[in-house]
Amino acid sequence: MAYHRGDGELVEGAVTILAASPLLEIAGFYDPPFKMRAEASVELSLDDGEEVLRGRIDVLILQGVLWVLVVESKKTTISARSALPQALAYMMANVEPGQPRFGLVTNGDDVLLVKLRAIPEQEYGLSRAFSIYTVPSELQQVLRVLKLLGQIAQA
């Protein structure tokens, strides 16, 4: 996955188009039975009931009403890990609490995969950073995980 960064920085939208979108395409998430929603709106109410957080998921992959994958991109000059709180907040907005939720965060250079369980209590797991821009074999590892996730969602 090669792309040119003339000024050394790509903003979120470009990262989504150049890094995340090809991964989703190759993994089969743009084909039935999956559906893609870009800039999907979410709302979260905090426990105090006074504050409502609103945001937009960069890319949401659905199978029916099941959220298969939440994708959050950041510009290339920001660590992919900085997208983790935002991705987790979006993943917690899923209305199917019994189902595990999965996320992918990227800054175009690195990819982190996230899994959130809600039962018995909310707990998340995080993969190591995969360097998809500089280490081609790590790109293949990410694709294998995404394809497996797609197979699991269809089972």
N, C-alpha and C. Protein backbone atom coordinates (compact mmCIF):
# COMPACT_ATOMS: atom_id res chain seq x y z
N MET A 1 0.86 -1.16 0.00
CA MET A 1 0.00 0.00 0.00
C MET A 1 0.91 1.23 0.00
N ALA A 2 1.10 1.79 -1.14
CA ALA A 2 1.98 2.94 -1.23
C ALA A 2 1.16 4.18 -1.58
N TYR A 3 1.48 5.26 -0.97
CA TYR A 3 0.87 6.53 -1.30
C TYR A 3 1.89 7.62 -1.05
N HIS A 4 1.70 8.72 -1.73
CA HIS A 4 2.69 9.80 -1.67
C HIS A 4 2.22 10.88 -0.71
N ARG A 5 3.13 11.28 0.16
CA ARG A 5 2.84 12.36 1.09
C ARG A 5 3.79 13.51 0.76
N GLY A 6 3.37 14.36 -0.14
CA GLY A 6 4.21 15.45 -0.59
C GLY A 6 4.64 16.39 0.52
N ASP A 7 3.71 16.77 1.39
CA ASP A 7 4.07 17.71 2.46
C ASP A 7 4.30 16.99 3.79
N GLY A 8 4.32 15.65 3.77
CA GLY A 8 4.60 14.90 4.99
C GLY A 8 3.40 14.63 5.87
N GLU A 9 2.21 15.06 5.45
CA GLU A 9 1.03 14.87 6.29
C GLU A 9 -0.20 14.61 5.44
N LEU A 10 -1.00 13.65 5.88
CA LEU A 10 -2.32 13.41 5.29
C LEU A 10 -3.36 13.62 6.38
N VAL A 11 -4.45 14.30 6.07
CA VAL A 11 -5.52 14.51 7.03
C VAL A 11 -6.40 13.27 7.10
N GLU A 12 -7.31 13.24 8.10
CA GLU A 12 -8.15 12.07 8.36
C GLU A 12 -8.85 11.52 7.13
N GLY A 13 -9.51 12.37 6.38
CA GLY A 13 -10.26 11.91 5.21
C GLY A 13 -9.37 11.21 4.20
N ALA A 14 -8.19 11.75 3.98
CA ALA A 14 -7.25 11.13 3.04
C ALA A 14 -6.75 9.80 3.58
N VAL A 15 -6.52 9.71 4.89
CA VAL A 15 -6.10 8.44 5.50
C VAL A 15 -7.19 7.39 5.31
N THR A 16 -8.44 7.79 5.51
CA THR A 16 -9.55 6.85 5.32
C THR A 16 -9.59 6.35 3.88
N ILE A 17 -9.45 7.26 2.93
CA ILE A 17 -9.51 6.89 1.52
C ILE A 17 -8.31 6.04 1.10
N LEU A 18 -7.11 6.43 1.52
CA LEU A 18 -5.90 5.78 1.03
C LEU A 18 -5.48 4.55 1.82
N ALA A 19 -5.82 4.47 3.09
CA ALA A 19 -5.36 3.34 3.91
C ALA A 19 -6.52 2.44 4.33
N ALA A 20 -7.53 2.99 4.99
CA ALA A 20 -8.61 2.16 5.54
C ALA A 20 -9.50 1.58 4.43
N SER A 21 -9.89 2.39 3.47
CA SER A 21 -10.81 1.93 2.44
C SER A 21 -10.28 0.74 1.64
N PRO A 22 -9.02 0.76 1.18
CA PRO A 22 -8.52 -0.43 0.46
C PRO A 22 -8.50 -1.68 1.34
N LEU A 23 -8.18 -1.53 2.61
CA LEU A 23 -8.21 -2.69 3.52
C LEU A 23 -9.62 -3.28 3.59
N LEU A 24 -10.62 -2.41 3.73
CA LEU A 24 -12.01 -2.87 3.82
C LEU A 24 -12.46 -3.51 2.51
N GLU A 25 -12.03 -2.93 1.39
CA GLU A 25 -12.38 -3.49 0.08
C GLU A 25 -11.80 -4.89 -0.11
N ILE A 26 -10.52 -5.04 0.15
CA ILE A 26 -9.85 -6.33 -0.03
C ILE A 26 -10.41 -7.38 0.93
N ALA A 27 -10.78 -6.95 2.13
CA ALA A 27 -11.34 -7.88 3.12
C ALA A 27 -12.79 -8.25 2.82
N GLY A 28 -13.41 -7.60 1.82
CA GLY A 28 -14.76 -7.96 1.42
C GLY A 28 -15.88 -7.23 2.14
N PHE A 29 -15.56 -6.18 2.87
CA PHE A 29 -16.58 -5.48 3.64
C PHE A 29 -17.44 -4.53 2.82
N TYR A 30 -17.13 -4.34 1.55
CA TYR A 30 -17.97 -3.50 0.70
C TYR A 30 -18.94 -4.34 -0.14
N ASP A 31 -18.93 -5.66 0.08
CA ASP A 31 -19.79 -6.57 -0.66
C ASP A 31 -20.84 -7.16 0.28
N PRO A 32 -22.02 -7.56 -0.28
CA PRO A 32 -23.03 -8.22 0.55
C PRO A 32 -22.44 -9.44 1.24
N PRO A 33 -22.84 -9.72 2.46
CA PRO A 33 -23.98 -9.19 3.18
C PRO A 33 -23.67 -7.92 3.98
N PHE A 34 -22.51 -7.34 3.78
CA PHE A 34 -22.12 -6.18 4.56
C PHE A 34 -22.59 -4.89 3.89
N LYS A 35 -22.78 -3.87 4.71
CA LYS A 35 -23.11 -2.54 4.22
C LYS A 35 -22.18 -1.56 4.91
N MET A 36 -21.80 -0.53 4.18
CA MET A 36 -20.90 0.48 4.72
C MET A 36 -21.67 1.77 4.90
N ARG A 37 -21.45 2.40 6.05
CA ARG A 37 -21.98 3.73 6.29
C ARG A 37 -20.81 4.63 6.64
N ALA A 38 -20.67 5.71 5.90
CA ALA A 38 -19.62 6.69 6.18
C ALA A 38 -20.20 7.81 7.01
N GLU A 39 -19.41 8.31 7.94
CA GLU A 39 -19.81 9.42 8.80
C GLU A 39 -21.13 9.12 9.53
N ALA A 40 -21.23 7.91 10.08
CA ALA A 40 -22.42 7.51 10.83
C ALA A 40 -22.47 8.27 12.16
N SER A 41 -23.60 8.92 12.44
CA SER A 41 -23.75 9.71 13.66
C SER A 41 -24.01 8.82 14.86
N VAL A 42 -23.42 9.18 15.99
CA VAL A 42 -23.67 8.48 17.25
C VAL A 42 -23.84 9.51 18.36
N GLU A 43 -24.58 9.11 19.39
CA GLU A 43 -24.73 9.92 20.59
C GLU A 43 -24.48 9.05 21.80
N LEU A 44 -23.79 9.60 22.78
CA LEU A 44 -23.54 8.92 24.05
C LEU A 44 -23.97 9.84 25.18
N SER A 45 -24.76 9.32 26.12
CA SER A 45 -25.11 10.10 27.30
C SER A 45 -24.21 9.64 28.44
N LEU A 46 -23.64 10.59 29.14
CA LEU A 46 -22.80 10.26 30.29
C LEU A 46 -23.67 9.91 31.48
N ASP A 47 -23.09 9.23 32.47
CA ASP A 47 -23.84 8.76 33.62
C ASP A 47 -24.55 9.88 34.38
N ASP A 48 -24.00 11.08 34.37
CA ASP A 48 -24.63 12.16 35.12
C ASP A 48 -25.90 12.67 34.45
N GLY A 49 -26.16 12.22 33.21
CA GLY A 49 -27.38 12.58 32.52
C GLY A 49 -27.40 14.00 32.00
N GLU A 50 -26.36 14.76 32.26
CA GLU A 50 -26.35 16.16 31.84
C GLU A 50 -25.63 16.38 30.52
N GLU A 51 -24.72 15.52 30.19
CA GLU A 51 -23.91 15.74 29.01
C GLU A 51 -24.16 14.67 27.97
N VAL A 52 -24.33 15.10 26.73
CA VAL A 52 -24.48 14.18 25.60
C VAL A 52 -23.33 14.46 24.65
N LEU A 53 -22.58 13.41 24.33
CA LEU A 53 -21.48 13.53 23.39
C LEU A 53 -21.98 13.09 22.02
N ARG A 54 -21.66 13.87 21.01
CA ARG A 54 -22.05 13.52 19.65
C ARG A 54 -20.80 13.42 18.80
N GLY A 55 -20.83 12.49 17.87
CA GLY A 55 -19.69 12.33 16.98
C GLY A 55 -20.10 11.60 15.73
N ARG A 56 -19.14 11.42 14.85
CA ARG A 56 -19.38 10.70 13.61
C ARG A 56 -18.30 9.64 13.43
N ILE A 57 -18.75 8.41 13.27
CA ILE A 57 -17.84 7.31 12.99
C ILE A 57 -17.36 7.48 11.55
N ASP A 58 -16.06 7.40 11.33
CA ASP A 58 -15.54 7.59 9.98
C ASP A 58 -16.13 6.56 9.02
N VAL A 59 -16.08 5.29 9.39
CA VAL A 59 -16.68 4.23 8.58
C VAL A 59 -17.27 3.19 9.54
N LEU A 60 -18.50 2.79 9.28
CA LEU A 60 -19.17 1.75 10.06
C LEU A 60 -19.57 0.65 9.09
N ILE A 61 -19.14 -0.59 9.38
CA ILE A 61 -19.51 -1.75 8.57
C ILE A 61 -20.60 -2.50 9.32
N LEU A 62 -21.70 -2.74 8.63
CA LEU A 62 -22.87 -3.40 9.21
C LEU A 62 -23.18 -4.68 8.48
N GLN A 63 -23.79 -5.61 9.21
CA GLN A 63 -24.43 -6.76 8.60
C GLN A 63 -25.82 -6.80 9.22
N GLY A 64 -26.82 -6.36 8.47
CA GLY A 64 -28.14 -6.15 9.05
C GLY A 64 -28.03 -5.04 10.08
N VAL A 65 -28.43 -5.35 11.32
CA VAL A 65 -28.30 -4.36 12.40
C VAL A 65 -27.04 -4.58 13.22
N LEU A 66 -26.31 -5.63 12.92
CA LEU A 66 -25.09 -5.95 13.66
C LEU A 66 -23.94 -5.06 13.21
N TRP A 67 -23.33 -4.37 14.18
CA TRP A 67 -22.14 -3.58 13.88
C TRP A 67 -20.98 -4.56 13.79
N VAL A 68 -20.36 -4.64 12.63
CA VAL A 68 -19.25 -5.55 12.43
C VAL A 68 -17.92 -4.87 12.76
N LEU A 69 -17.77 -3.62 12.32
CA LEU A 69 -16.49 -2.94 12.48
C LEU A 69 -16.68 -1.44 12.49
N VAL A 70 -16.04 -0.77 13.45
CA VAL A 70 -15.97 0.68 13.53
C VAL A 70 -14.57 1.09 13.09
N VAL A 71 -14.47 2.02 12.14
CA VAL A 71 -13.17 2.48 11.67
C VAL A 71 -13.00 3.95 12.05
N GLU A 72 -11.90 4.27 12.70
CA GLU A 72 -11.57 5.64 13.06
C GLU A 72 -10.18 5.96 12.52
N SER A 73 -10.08 7.03 11.74
CA SER A 73 -8.82 7.45 11.15
C SER A 73 -8.34 8.74 11.79
N LYS A 74 -7.03 8.91 11.83
CA LYS A 74 -6.40 10.14 12.30
C LYS A 74 -5.38 10.56 11.27
N LYS A 75 -5.02 11.83 11.27
CA LYS A 75 -4.01 12.28 10.30
C LYS A 75 -2.67 11.64 10.62
N THR A 76 -1.82 11.61 9.62
CA THR A 76 -0.58 10.85 9.72
C THR A 76 0.39 11.36 10.77
N THR A 77 0.29 12.60 11.16
CA THR A 77 1.22 13.14 12.15
C THR A 77 0.78 12.85 13.58
N ILE A 78 -0.35 12.19 13.75
CA ILE A 78 -0.87 11.84 15.07
C ILE A 78 -0.75 10.33 15.25
N SER A 79 -0.43 9.89 16.44
CA SER A 79 -0.33 8.47 16.75
C SER A 79 -1.69 7.79 16.54
N ALA A 80 -1.67 6.59 15.99
CA ALA A 80 -2.91 5.83 15.83
C ALA A 80 -3.56 5.58 17.18
N ARG A 81 -2.76 5.43 18.23
CA ARG A 81 -3.31 5.21 19.57
C ARG A 81 -4.18 6.36 20.05
N SER A 82 -3.96 7.55 19.53
CA SER A 82 -4.77 8.69 19.95
C SER A 82 -6.22 8.54 19.53
N ALA A 83 -6.51 7.68 18.57
CA ALA A 83 -7.88 7.44 18.12
C ALA A 83 -8.61 6.44 19.01
N LEU A 84 -7.90 5.78 19.91
CA LEU A 84 -8.51 4.73 20.72
C LEU A 84 -9.68 5.22 21.58
N PRO A 85 -9.56 6.30 22.35
CA PRO A 85 -10.72 6.74 23.16
C PRO A 85 -11.95 7.04 22.31
N GLN A 86 -11.75 7.70 21.19
CA GLN A 86 -12.86 8.02 20.31
C GLN A 86 -13.49 6.75 19.74
N ALA A 87 -12.67 5.82 19.28
CA ALA A 87 -13.19 4.57 18.74
C ALA A 87 -13.95 3.78 19.80
N LEU A 88 -13.40 3.71 21.02
CA LEU A 88 -14.09 3.00 22.10
C LEU A 88 -15.43 3.66 22.43
N ALA A 89 -15.47 4.98 22.45
CA ALA A 89 -16.74 5.68 22.71
C ALA A 89 -17.77 5.32 21.65
N TYR A 90 -17.36 5.30 20.39
CA TYR A 90 -18.28 4.92 19.32
C TYR A 90 -18.71 3.47 19.47
N MET A 91 -17.78 2.60 19.80
CA MET A 91 -18.11 1.18 19.95
C MET A 91 -19.09 0.97 21.10
N MET A 92 -18.98 1.77 22.17
CA MET A 92 -19.90 1.65 23.29
C MET A 92 -21.31 2.12 22.94
N ALA A 93 -21.44 2.92 21.88
CA ALA A 93 -22.75 3.40 21.46
C ALA A 93 -23.56 2.33 20.74
N ASN A 94 -22.96 1.19 20.43
CA ASN A 94 -23.66 0.09 19.78
C ASN A 94 -24.79 -0.38 20.67
N VAL A 95 -25.98 -0.55 20.09
CA VAL A 95 -27.16 -0.92 20.88
C VAL A 95 -27.28 -2.42 21.13
N GLU A 96 -26.35 -3.21 20.66
CA GLU A 96 -26.35 -4.66 20.87
C GLU A 96 -25.30 -5.01 21.92
N PRO A 97 -25.62 -4.83 23.22
CA PRO A 97 -24.59 -5.00 24.25
C PRO A 97 -24.07 -6.42 24.40
N GLY A 98 -24.81 -7.43 23.98
CA GLY A 98 -24.36 -8.81 24.12
C GLY A 98 -23.33 -9.21 23.09
N GLN A 99 -23.21 -8.45 22.03
CA GLN A 99 -22.29 -8.78 20.95
C GLN A 99 -20.94 -8.11 21.17
N PRO A 100 -19.84 -8.82 20.92
CA PRO A 100 -18.54 -8.14 20.96
C PRO A 100 -18.50 -7.11 19.83
N ARG A 101 -17.75 -6.06 20.03
CA ARG A 101 -17.62 -5.00 19.04
C ARG A 101 -16.16 -4.92 18.62
N PHE A 102 -15.95 -4.61 17.36
CA PHE A 102 -14.60 -4.56 16.83
C PHE A 102 -14.33 -3.21 16.20
N GLY A 103 -13.09 -2.78 16.29
CA GLY A 103 -12.70 -1.50 15.72
C GLY A 103 -11.34 -1.59 15.06
N LEU A 104 -11.10 -0.66 14.17
CA LEU A 104 -9.82 -0.51 13.51
C LEU A 104 -9.49 0.97 13.57
N VAL A 105 -8.33 1.29 14.09
CA VAL A 105 -7.88 2.68 14.11
C VAL A 105 -6.58 2.77 13.32
N THR A 106 -6.45 3.84 12.55
CA THR A 106 -5.26 3.99 11.72
C THR A 106 -4.90 5.45 11.53
N ASN A 107 -3.63 5.68 11.32
CA ASN A 107 -3.14 7.00 10.92
C ASN A 107 -2.50 6.91 9.53
N GLY A 108 -2.76 5.83 8.84
CA GLY A 108 -2.19 5.62 7.50
C GLY A 108 -0.87 4.88 7.52
N ASP A 109 -0.14 4.98 8.60
CA ASP A 109 1.11 4.26 8.75
C ASP A 109 0.92 3.01 9.60
N ASP A 110 0.19 3.16 10.69
CA ASP A 110 -0.03 2.08 11.64
C ASP A 110 -1.52 1.76 11.75
N VAL A 111 -1.81 0.51 12.09
CA VAL A 111 -3.17 0.05 12.34
C VAL A 111 -3.20 -0.63 13.70
N LEU A 112 -4.22 -0.32 14.49
CA LEU A 112 -4.49 -1.01 15.75
C LEU A 112 -5.87 -1.63 15.62
N LEU A 113 -6.01 -2.86 16.09
CA LEU A 113 -7.30 -3.53 16.10
C LEU A 113 -7.80 -3.58 17.53
N VAL A 114 -9.10 -3.34 17.71
CA VAL A 114 -9.69 -3.22 19.03
C VAL A 114 -10.88 -4.17 19.14
N LYS A 115 -11.03 -4.81 20.29
CA LYS A 115 -12.20 -5.63 20.58
C LYS A 115 -12.77 -5.15 21.90
N LEU A 116 -14.08 -4.93 21.94
CA LEU A 116 -14.77 -4.49 23.15
C LEU A 116 -15.84 -5.52 23.51
N ARG A 117 -15.75 -6.01 24.74
CA ARG A 117 -16.79 -6.90 25.28
C ARG A 117 -17.59 -6.11 26.28
N ALA A 118 -18.88 -6.33 26.33
CA ALA A 118 -19.73 -5.60 27.28
C ALA A 118 -20.19 -6.49 28.43
N ILE A 119 -20.12 -7.80 28.24
CA ILE A 119 -20.65 -8.72 29.25
C ILE A 119 -19.52 -9.60 29.74
N PRO A 120 -19.28 -9.79 31.03
CA PRO A 120 -20.10 -9.32 32.14
C PRO A 120 -19.92 -7.83 32.43
N GLU A 121 -18.79 -7.25 32.07
CA GLU A 121 -18.63 -5.80 32.17
C GLU A 121 -17.78 -5.35 31.00
N GLN A 122 -17.80 -4.05 30.72
CA GLN A 122 -17.06 -3.57 29.56
C GLN A 122 -15.56 -3.72 29.76
N GLU A 123 -14.95 -4.34 28.75
CA GLU A 123 -13.52 -4.60 28.78
C GLU A 123 -13.04 -4.62 27.33
N TYR A 124 -11.89 -4.00 27.10
CA TYR A 124 -11.40 -4.01 25.73
C TYR A 124 -10.02 -4.62 25.65
N GLY A 125 -9.72 -5.11 24.45
CA GLY A 125 -8.40 -5.63 24.13
C GLY A 125 -7.88 -4.87 22.93
N LEU A 126 -6.57 -4.71 22.88
CA LEU A 126 -5.94 -3.92 21.84
C LEU A 126 -4.77 -4.71 21.26
N SER A 127 -4.70 -4.74 19.93
CA SER A 127 -3.57 -5.40 19.28
C SER A 127 -2.34 -4.52 19.38
N ARG A 128 -1.23 -5.07 19.00
CA ARG A 128 -0.04 -4.25 18.85
C ARG A 128 -0.23 -3.39 17.61
N ALA A 129 0.61 -2.41 17.44
CA ALA A 129 0.55 -1.57 16.24
C ALA A 129 1.14 -2.34 15.06
N PHE A 130 0.39 -2.42 13.98
CA PHE A 130 0.86 -3.03 12.74
C PHE A 130 1.32 -1.89 11.83
N SER A 131 2.55 -1.95 11.37
CA SER A 131 3.13 -0.93 10.50
C SER A 131 2.81 -1.26 9.05
N ILE A 132 1.64 -0.88 8.59
CA ILE A 132 1.20 -1.27 7.25
C ILE A 132 1.91 -0.49 6.15
N TYR A 133 2.44 0.66 6.46
CA TYR A 133 3.10 1.48 5.44
C TYR A 133 4.54 1.03 5.20
N THR A 134 5.22 0.64 6.26
CA THR A 134 6.65 0.31 6.12
C THR A 134 6.96 -1.18 6.11
N VAL A 135 6.03 -2.02 6.58
CA VAL A 135 6.29 -3.46 6.65
C VAL A 135 5.16 -4.20 5.92
N PRO A 136 5.35 -4.54 4.64
CA PRO A 136 4.28 -5.17 3.85
C PRO A 136 3.70 -6.43 4.49
N SER A 137 4.50 -7.23 5.19
CA SER A 137 3.98 -8.45 5.79
C SER A 137 2.97 -8.13 6.89
N GLU A 138 3.09 -6.98 7.51
CA GLU A 138 2.13 -6.60 8.55
C GLU A 138 0.80 -6.19 7.93
N LEU A 139 0.84 -5.65 6.74
CA LEU A 139 -0.39 -5.36 6.01
C LEU A 139 -1.15 -6.66 5.76
N GLN A 140 -0.44 -7.72 5.39
CA GLN A 140 -1.07 -9.02 5.16
C GLN A 140 -1.68 -9.57 6.45
N GLN A 141 -1.03 -9.36 7.58
CA GLN A 141 -1.56 -9.82 8.87
C GLN A 141 -2.87 -9.11 9.19
N VAL A 142 -2.92 -7.81 8.96
CA VAL A 142 -4.15 -7.05 9.21
C VAL A 142 -5.27 -7.56 8.31
N LEU A 143 -4.96 -7.80 7.04
CA LEU A 143 -5.96 -8.32 6.11
C LEU A 143 -6.48 -9.68 6.55
N ARG A 144 -5.60 -10.54 7.04
CA ARG A 144 -6.05 -11.86 7.53
C ARG A 144 -7.02 -11.71 8.69
N VAL A 145 -6.73 -10.81 9.60
CA VAL A 145 -7.63 -10.59 10.75
C VAL A 145 -8.97 -10.04 10.28
N LEU A 146 -8.95 -9.08 9.37
CA LEU A 146 -10.20 -8.51 8.87
C LEU A 146 -11.04 -9.56 8.14
N LYS A 147 -10.40 -10.39 7.33
CA LYS A 147 -11.14 -11.44 6.63
C LYS A 147 -11.75 -12.45 7.61
N LEU A 148 -11.00 -12.79 8.65
CA LEU A 148 -11.52 -13.68 9.68
C LEU A 148 -12.71 -13.05 10.39
N LEU A 149 -12.61 -11.78 10.71
CA LEU A 149 -13.72 -11.08 11.34
C LEU A 149 -14.96 -11.12 10.45
N GLY A 150 -14.78 -10.92 9.15
CA GLY A 150 -15.90 -11.01 8.23
C GLY A 150 -16.52 -12.39 8.20
N GLN A 151 -15.69 -13.44 8.25
CA GLN A 151 -16.21 -14.81 8.27
C GLN A 151 -16.98 -15.08 9.57
N ILE A 152 -16.46 -14.61 10.68
CA ILE A 152 -17.14 -14.79 11.97
C ILE A 152 -18.49 -14.10 11.96
N ALA A 153 -18.53 -12.89 11.42
CA ALA A 153 -19.79 -12.13 11.38
C ALA A 153 -20.84 -12.83 10.54
N GLN A 154 -20.42 -13.58 9.54
CA GLN A 154 -21.37 -14.26 8.66
C GLN A 154 -21.81 -15.61 9.19
N ALA A 155 -21.11 -16.13 10.22
CA ALA A 155 -21.42 -17.46 10.76
C ALA A 155 -22.70 -17.47 11.56
